[in-house]
Amino acid sequence: MSYRPSPQALSRLPQWFFFLATLVIGVQFARFCLAAAAGAAAAVSRPAGVEGFLPISALLGLRRLLATAAFDPVHPAGLWILLAAMAMGLAFRKAFCGHVCPVGFLVVRLGRLGQRLTLSRRLPRRLDAALGLPKYLLLAFFLWTTFFGMDLAAVEGFLRSAYNITADARMLLLFAHPSVTSVLVLSGLVLAGLIYRGSFCRWLCPYGALLGLLAKIGPTALTRDAAGCTGCGRCRKVCPMDLPITAGPRPMTCTGCASCVIACPRPQSAVRFAFAGRPVPWWTTAVGASGVFALAYLAAHALGQWDSGLPPAMLARLYALALGG
């Protein structure tokens, strides 16, 4: 008897792949940092993928790219990841959030756990909308500072500073030796995520806010056949962001995960994706996101713009200083 994976299982494959890849990158980066602190950085290579956790540096790199048509040599992989995420957001809704982002993966798992523990709750619509404002305010602050608050010389200075070059190591130290405040904040986020599905993504993530704005003008939309909808509520029950299907065809919080499309009990789903007005399969956003990321990764390697262009000896010394070595 042959096994045929369900659409639910298939839809989770990209999430699990990118999450496990992130774990591998994290272990490799931790090994690099330990070697750098011991003065043996040359023995372990630094994984460039860790730059995906440096969105501010990537945004400044984008500003530099637009002004000079040249890639940031310090954290080029971070810029490629940002460009890929933006392309996904524009073409396939917030598919980066729904299929690639490791933080989004954890947020979804946390929300599912809250549902199983019967902790999940909903807030009034207006209060939920008000709590979503901070991520847009944060995004506005970062965009204003990057494109208007800093001139090109200031951007160049920051990108080439020792602080930015070793920002990933400082982030590792933050999690390896968290302060009491950090532990309390993280605990609060976990508790909120258990009770209110997707709360971090819905209320606080400026990266997701940017992609949501791009998705608003993109060609991919959720369509609902009101006449064929039974009103069973399964779509909202499985939605990691707790969105009602009546939120419209392009809700900025929708991650394009396809959970609602797969869960619909109608033979010809009453909830579907449409691309440029034409119905498309549920797997469109997952395959689209994975394809965009693969193309960006291959292009970066082909152009020699994935790994840092800084001298290895310089990097080793800077990381050793940042790590107290």
Protein backbone atom coordinates (compact mmCIF):
# COMPACT_ATOMS: atom_id res chain seq x y z
CA MET A 1 0.00 0.00 0.00
CA SER A 2 1.62 3.23 -1.15
CA TYR A 3 1.72 6.28 1.07
CA ARG A 4 0.43 9.56 -0.30
CA PRO A 5 1.23 12.59 1.86
CA SER A 6 -1.72 14.83 2.59
CA PRO A 7 -1.83 18.44 1.38
CA GLN A 8 -1.38 19.51 5.01
CA ALA A 9 1.87 17.51 5.26
CA LEU A 10 3.12 18.78 1.90
CA SER A 11 2.37 22.39 2.81
CA ARG A 12 4.65 22.09 5.86
CA LEU A 13 7.67 20.78 3.95
CA PRO A 14 9.15 24.21 3.05
CA GLN A 15 8.71 25.43 6.64
CA TRP A 16 10.47 22.39 8.07
CA PHE A 17 13.24 22.54 5.46
CA PHE A 18 14.08 26.18 6.14
CA PHE A 19 13.74 25.74 9.91
CA LEU A 20 16.11 22.77 9.96
CA ALA A 21 18.49 24.62 7.64
CA THR A 22 18.44 27.52 10.11
CA LEU A 23 19.35 25.15 12.95
CA VAL A 24 22.31 23.83 10.93
CA ILE A 25 23.43 27.38 10.19
CA GLY A 26 23.09 28.28 13.88
CA VAL A 27 25.24 25.36 14.99
CA GLN A 28 27.86 26.17 12.36
CA PHE A 29 27.90 29.82 13.38
CA ALA A 30 28.25 28.93 17.06
CA ARG A 31 31.23 26.73 16.16
CA PHE A 32 32.75 29.60 14.19
CA CYS A 33 32.31 31.99 17.10
CA LEU A 34 33.90 29.54 19.54
CA ALA A 35 36.84 29.12 17.19
CA ALA A 36 37.15 32.89 16.71
CA ALA A 37 37.16 33.50 20.47
CA ALA A 38 39.91 30.89 20.79
CA GLY A 39 41.94 32.50 18.00
CA ALA A 40 41.31 29.65 15.55
CA ALA A 41 38.64 31.15 13.28
CA ALA A 42 40.41 29.86 10.17
CA ALA A 43 39.53 26.29 11.22
CA VAL A 44 35.76 26.86 10.89
CA SER A 45 33.95 28.71 8.13
CA ARG A 46 31.34 31.35 8.93
CA PRO A 47 27.94 30.48 7.38
CA ALA A 48 26.68 33.46 5.40
CA GLY A 49 23.06 32.42 5.95
CA VAL A 50 23.19 33.82 9.48
CA GLU A 51 22.90 37.27 7.90
CA GLY A 52 19.20 36.59 7.41
CA PHE A 53 18.86 37.63 11.06
CA LEU A 54 20.32 41.08 10.34
CA PRO A 55 17.43 42.88 8.61
CA ILE A 56 18.57 46.40 9.57
CA SER A 57 21.97 45.82 8.00
CA ALA A 58 20.24 44.38 4.92
CA LEU A 59 17.97 47.44 4.66
CA LEU A 60 20.99 49.74 4.78
CA GLY A 61 22.63 47.53 2.18
CA LEU A 62 19.56 48.03 -0.01
CA ARG A 63 19.90 51.80 0.37
CA ARG A 64 23.54 51.54 -0.70
CA LEU A 65 22.61 49.30 -3.64
CA LEU A 66 20.01 51.77 -4.90
CA ALA A 67 22.43 54.69 -4.55
CA THR A 68 25.59 53.08 -5.97
CA ALA A 69 24.38 50.00 -7.91
CA ALA A 70 26.92 48.02 -5.84
CA PHE A 71 26.29 45.20 -3.37
CA ASP A 72 27.29 45.54 0.25
CA PRO A 73 30.54 43.53 0.62
CA VAL A 74 30.07 43.11 4.39
CA HIS A 75 26.78 41.17 4.58
CA PRO A 76 25.79 40.43 0.96
CA ALA A 77 23.79 37.29 1.84
CA GLY A 78 21.56 39.33 4.15
CA LEU A 79 20.75 41.70 1.28
CA TRP A 80 19.98 38.82 -1.07
CA ILE A 81 17.64 37.30 1.52
CA LEU A 82 15.86 40.64 1.95
CA LEU A 83 15.47 41.04 -1.82
CA ALA A 84 14.15 37.48 -2.10
CA ALA A 85 11.65 38.08 0.74
CA MET A 86 10.43 41.28 -0.92
CA ALA A 87 10.04 39.48 -4.26
CA MET A 88 8.04 36.75 -2.53
CA GLY A 89 5.86 39.36 -0.82
CA LEU A 90 5.16 41.13 -4.07
CA ALA A 91 4.41 38.01 -6.11
CA PHE A 92 3.09 35.43 -3.62
CA ARG A 93 1.68 37.32 -0.66
CA LYS A 94 3.70 37.02 2.57
CA ALA A 95 5.01 33.64 1.47
CA PHE A 96 8.34 34.37 3.17
CA CYS A 97 6.49 34.54 6.50
CA GLY A 98 4.36 31.50 5.78
CA HIS A 99 6.93 29.16 4.25
CA VAL A 100 10.49 30.39 4.91
CA CYS A 101 10.86 32.47 8.09
CA PRO A 102 12.09 30.34 11.05
CA VAL A 103 10.58 32.80 13.54
CA GLY A 104 7.25 32.46 11.77
CA PHE A 105 7.63 28.69 11.99
CA LEU A 106 8.01 28.88 15.78
CA VAL A 107 5.12 31.35 16.07
CA VAL A 108 2.83 28.94 14.20
CA ARG A 109 3.89 25.96 16.34
CA LEU A 110 3.30 28.04 19.47
CA GLY A 111 -0.19 28.99 18.33
CA ARG A 112 -1.04 25.38 17.52
CA LEU A 113 0.14 24.35 21.00
CA GLY A 114 -2.06 27.03 22.55
CA GLN A 115 -5.04 25.64 20.64
CA ARG A 116 -4.35 22.10 21.83
CA LEU A 117 -4.04 23.33 25.41
CA THR A 118 -7.33 25.26 24.96
CA LEU A 119 -5.55 28.50 25.83
CA SER A 120 -6.31 30.20 22.53
CA ARG A 121 -8.42 33.37 22.76
CA ARG A 122 -9.53 36.17 20.44
CA LEU A 123 -9.53 39.90 20.96
CA PRO A 124 -12.19 42.33 19.74
CA ARG A 125 -11.50 43.30 16.12
CA ARG A 126 -10.72 46.96 16.86
CA LEU A 127 -8.35 46.13 19.72
CA ASP A 128 -6.56 43.57 17.55
CA ALA A 129 -6.17 46.19 14.80
CA ALA A 130 -4.82 48.73 17.30
CA LEU A 131 -2.26 46.25 18.61
CA GLY A 132 -1.07 45.77 15.02
CA LEU A 133 -0.04 49.43 14.71
CA PRO A 134 3.41 49.12 16.42
CA LYS A 135 4.88 47.02 13.60
CA TYR A 136 3.95 49.67 11.04
CA LEU A 137 5.35 52.43 13.25
CA LEU A 138 8.59 50.47 13.63
CA LEU A 139 8.72 49.93 9.86
CA ALA A 140 8.13 53.64 9.22
CA PHE A 141 10.93 54.52 11.64
CA PHE A 142 13.41 52.14 10.00
CA LEU A 143 12.50 53.25 6.47
CA TRP A 144 12.69 56.94 7.36
CA THR A 145 16.01 56.56 9.14
CA THR A 146 17.50 54.46 6.34
CA PHE A 147 16.38 56.48 3.33
CA PHE A 148 16.02 60.00 4.73
CA GLY A 149 17.69 60.21 8.13
CA MET A 150 21.13 59.02 6.97
CA ASP A 151 23.18 60.24 4.06
CA LEU A 152 25.20 57.81 1.96
CA ALA A 153 28.41 58.51 3.90
CA ALA A 154 26.67 57.62 7.17
CA VAL A 155 25.30 54.43 5.62
CA GLU A 156 28.76 53.45 4.38
CA GLY A 157 30.24 54.23 7.78
CA PHE A 158 27.75 52.03 9.59
CA LEU A 159 28.01 49.13 7.13
CA ARG A 160 31.81 49.05 7.49
CA SER A 161 31.83 49.56 11.25
CA ALA A 162 33.09 46.79 13.51
CA TYR A 163 29.70 46.79 15.23
CA ASN A 164 27.83 45.95 12.01
CA ILE A 165 30.43 43.48 10.78
CA THR A 166 30.09 41.42 13.96
CA ALA A 167 26.40 42.13 14.64
CA ASP A 168 25.56 38.45 14.28
CA ALA A 169 28.07 37.53 17.00
CA ARG A 170 26.59 40.15 19.32
CA MET A 171 23.14 38.71 18.66
CA LEU A 172 24.44 35.26 19.59
CA LEU A 173 25.85 36.62 22.84
CA LEU A 174 22.46 38.19 23.61
CA PHE A 175 20.78 34.79 23.46
CA ALA A 176 23.66 32.87 25.03
CA HIS A 177 23.80 35.22 28.03
CA PRO A 178 20.34 36.81 28.27
CA SER A 179 19.62 39.54 30.80
CA VAL A 180 16.68 39.37 33.18
CA THR A 181 14.87 41.88 30.98
CA SER A 182 15.45 39.74 27.88
CA VAL A 183 14.11 36.65 29.63
CA LEU A 184 11.01 38.51 30.81
CA VAL A 185 10.32 39.96 27.36
CA LEU A 186 10.81 36.58 25.66
CA SER A 187 8.58 34.89 28.24
CA GLY A 188 5.89 37.51 27.62
CA LEU A 189 6.07 36.91 23.86
CA VAL A 190 5.78 33.14 24.34
CA LEU A 191 2.78 33.52 26.65
CA ALA A 192 1.09 35.93 24.25
CA GLY A 193 1.75 33.51 21.38
CA LEU A 194 0.10 30.66 23.26
CA ILE A 195 -3.02 32.70 23.95
CA TYR A 196 -3.28 34.82 20.79
CA ARG A 197 -2.28 32.97 17.63
CA GLY A 198 0.44 34.68 15.62
CA SER A 199 0.58 37.63 18.04
CA PHE A 200 4.25 38.45 17.37
CA CYS A 201 3.76 38.42 13.60
CA ARG A 202 0.42 40.24 13.80
CA TRP A 203 1.46 42.97 16.20
CA LEU A 204 5.22 43.46 16.35
CA CYS A 205 7.20 42.29 13.30
CA PRO A 206 8.20 45.21 11.02
CA TYR A 207 9.67 42.77 8.47
CA GLY A 208 6.24 41.21 8.08
CA ALA A 209 4.68 44.68 7.90
CA LEU A 210 6.84 45.51 4.87
CA LEU A 211 5.93 42.26 3.14
CA GLY A 212 2.25 42.78 3.95
CA LEU A 213 2.30 46.15 2.20
CA LEU A 214 3.93 44.59 -0.86
CA ALA A 215 1.37 41.77 -0.83
CA LYS A 216 -1.40 44.35 -0.81
CA ILE A 217 -0.45 45.42 -4.33
CA GLY A 218 0.68 42.01 -5.59
CA PRO A 219 -1.15 39.72 -8.02
CA THR A 220 -1.89 36.89 -5.56
CA ALA A 221 -5.15 37.11 -3.63
CA LEU A 222 -7.49 34.92 -1.58
CA THR A 223 -10.89 34.50 -3.19
CA ARG A 224 -14.02 33.30 -1.44
CA ASP A 225 -17.11 31.91 -3.12
CA ALA A 226 -19.75 33.21 -0.72
CA ALA A 227 -22.45 31.09 -2.33
CA GLY A 228 -20.40 27.90 -1.94
CA CYS A 229 -19.17 28.66 1.60
CA THR A 230 -20.87 26.53 4.26
CA GLY A 231 -19.82 28.80 7.13
CA CYS A 232 -18.19 25.88 8.95
CA GLY A 233 -15.37 28.10 10.29
CA ARG A 234 -12.59 25.60 9.56
CA CYS A 235 -10.62 28.19 7.61
CA ARG A 236 -10.30 30.49 10.58
CA LYS A 237 -9.65 27.64 13.01
CA VAL A 238 -6.55 26.56 11.07
CA CYS A 239 -5.33 30.05 10.17
CA PRO A 240 -2.08 30.71 12.10
CA MET A 241 -2.93 34.42 12.17
CA ASP A 242 -6.57 33.84 13.25
CA LEU A 243 -7.91 35.73 10.24
CA PRO A 244 -11.57 35.47 9.25
CA ILE A 245 -11.99 34.65 5.57
CA THR A 246 -14.19 37.74 5.30
CA ALA A 247 -11.06 39.88 5.88
CA GLY A 248 -10.89 40.48 2.12
CA PRO A 249 -8.80 39.19 -0.80
CA ARG A 250 -5.53 40.84 0.27
CA PRO A 251 -5.36 41.07 4.08
CA MET A 252 -1.90 42.35 5.05
CA THR A 253 -1.61 39.80 7.86
CA CYS A 254 -2.19 36.77 5.61
CA THR A 255 1.02 34.74 5.24
CA GLY A 256 -0.10 32.78 2.19
CA CYS A 257 0.34 29.50 4.07
CA ALA A 258 -2.69 27.94 2.30
CA SER A 259 -4.03 26.40 5.52
CA CYS A 260 -7.49 27.85 4.89
CA VAL A 261 -7.58 26.64 1.29
CA ILE A 262 -6.58 23.09 2.29
CA ALA A 263 -9.02 22.97 5.22
CA CYS A 264 -12.08 23.98 3.21
CA PRO A 265 -14.44 20.94 3.05
CA ARG A 266 -15.96 21.87 -0.31
CA PRO A 267 -14.84 19.60 -3.22
CA GLN A 268 -14.01 22.74 -5.20
CA SER A 269 -12.75 24.84 -2.32
CA ALA A 270 -14.83 27.90 -1.53
CA VAL A 271 -11.53 29.53 -0.52
CA ARG A 272 -8.85 29.67 -3.21
CA PHE A 273 -5.78 31.51 -4.32
CA ALA A 274 -5.96 33.58 -7.47
CA PHE A 275 -2.98 34.93 -9.39
CA ALA A 276 -3.75 37.95 -11.56
CA GLY A 277 -7.43 37.04 -11.31
CA ARG A 278 -7.01 33.40 -12.37
CA PRO A 279 -7.49 30.49 -9.90
CA VAL A 280 -4.28 28.70 -9.00
CA PRO A 281 -3.51 25.59 -6.85
CA TRP A 282 -3.05 25.81 -3.08
CA TRP A 283 0.67 25.05 -3.42
CA THR A 284 1.36 28.14 -5.56
CA THR A 285 2.70 30.28 -2.71
CA ALA A 286 4.85 27.48 -1.25
CA VAL A 287 6.43 26.57 -4.58
CA GLY A 288 6.72 30.24 -5.53
CA ALA A 289 8.50 31.14 -2.28
CA SER A 290 10.88 28.19 -2.50
CA GLY A 291 11.62 28.96 -6.15
CA VAL A 292 12.34 32.64 -5.51
CA PHE A 293 14.67 31.78 -2.64
CA ALA A 294 16.48 29.14 -4.72
CA LEU A 295 16.95 31.58 -7.61
CA ALA A 296 18.29 34.27 -5.27
CA TYR A 297 20.69 31.80 -3.65
CA LEU A 298 21.98 30.54 -7.00
CA ALA A 299 22.31 34.06 -8.40
CA ALA A 300 24.24 35.23 -5.35
CA HIS A 301 26.69 32.36 -5.66
CA ALA A 302 27.04 32.81 -9.42
CA LEU A 303 27.88 36.49 -8.91
CA GLY A 304 30.17 35.83 -5.93
CA GLN A 305 27.89 37.87 -3.68
CA TRP A 306 26.89 35.38 -1.01
CA ASP A 307 29.90 35.21 1.29
CA SER A 308 31.43 38.32 2.85
CA GLY A 309 34.05 40.02 0.73
CA LEU A 310 36.10 41.16 3.73
CA PRO A 311 39.56 39.62 4.32
CA PRO A 312 39.31 36.45 6.47
CA ALA A 313 42.13 37.61 8.78
CA MET A 314 40.29 40.88 9.42
CA LEU A 315 37.03 39.05 10.14
CA ALA A 316 38.77 36.65 12.52
CA ARG A 317 40.27 39.51 14.51
CA LEU A 318 37.04 41.51 14.69
CA TYR A 319 35.01 38.50 15.80
CA ALA A 320 37.61 37.63 18.40
CA LEU A 321 37.35 41.17 19.82
CA ALA A 322 33.54 41.13 19.75
CA LEU A 323 33.49 37.78 21.57
CA GLY A 324 36.03 38.81 24.15
CA GLY A 325 38.84 36.74 22.68
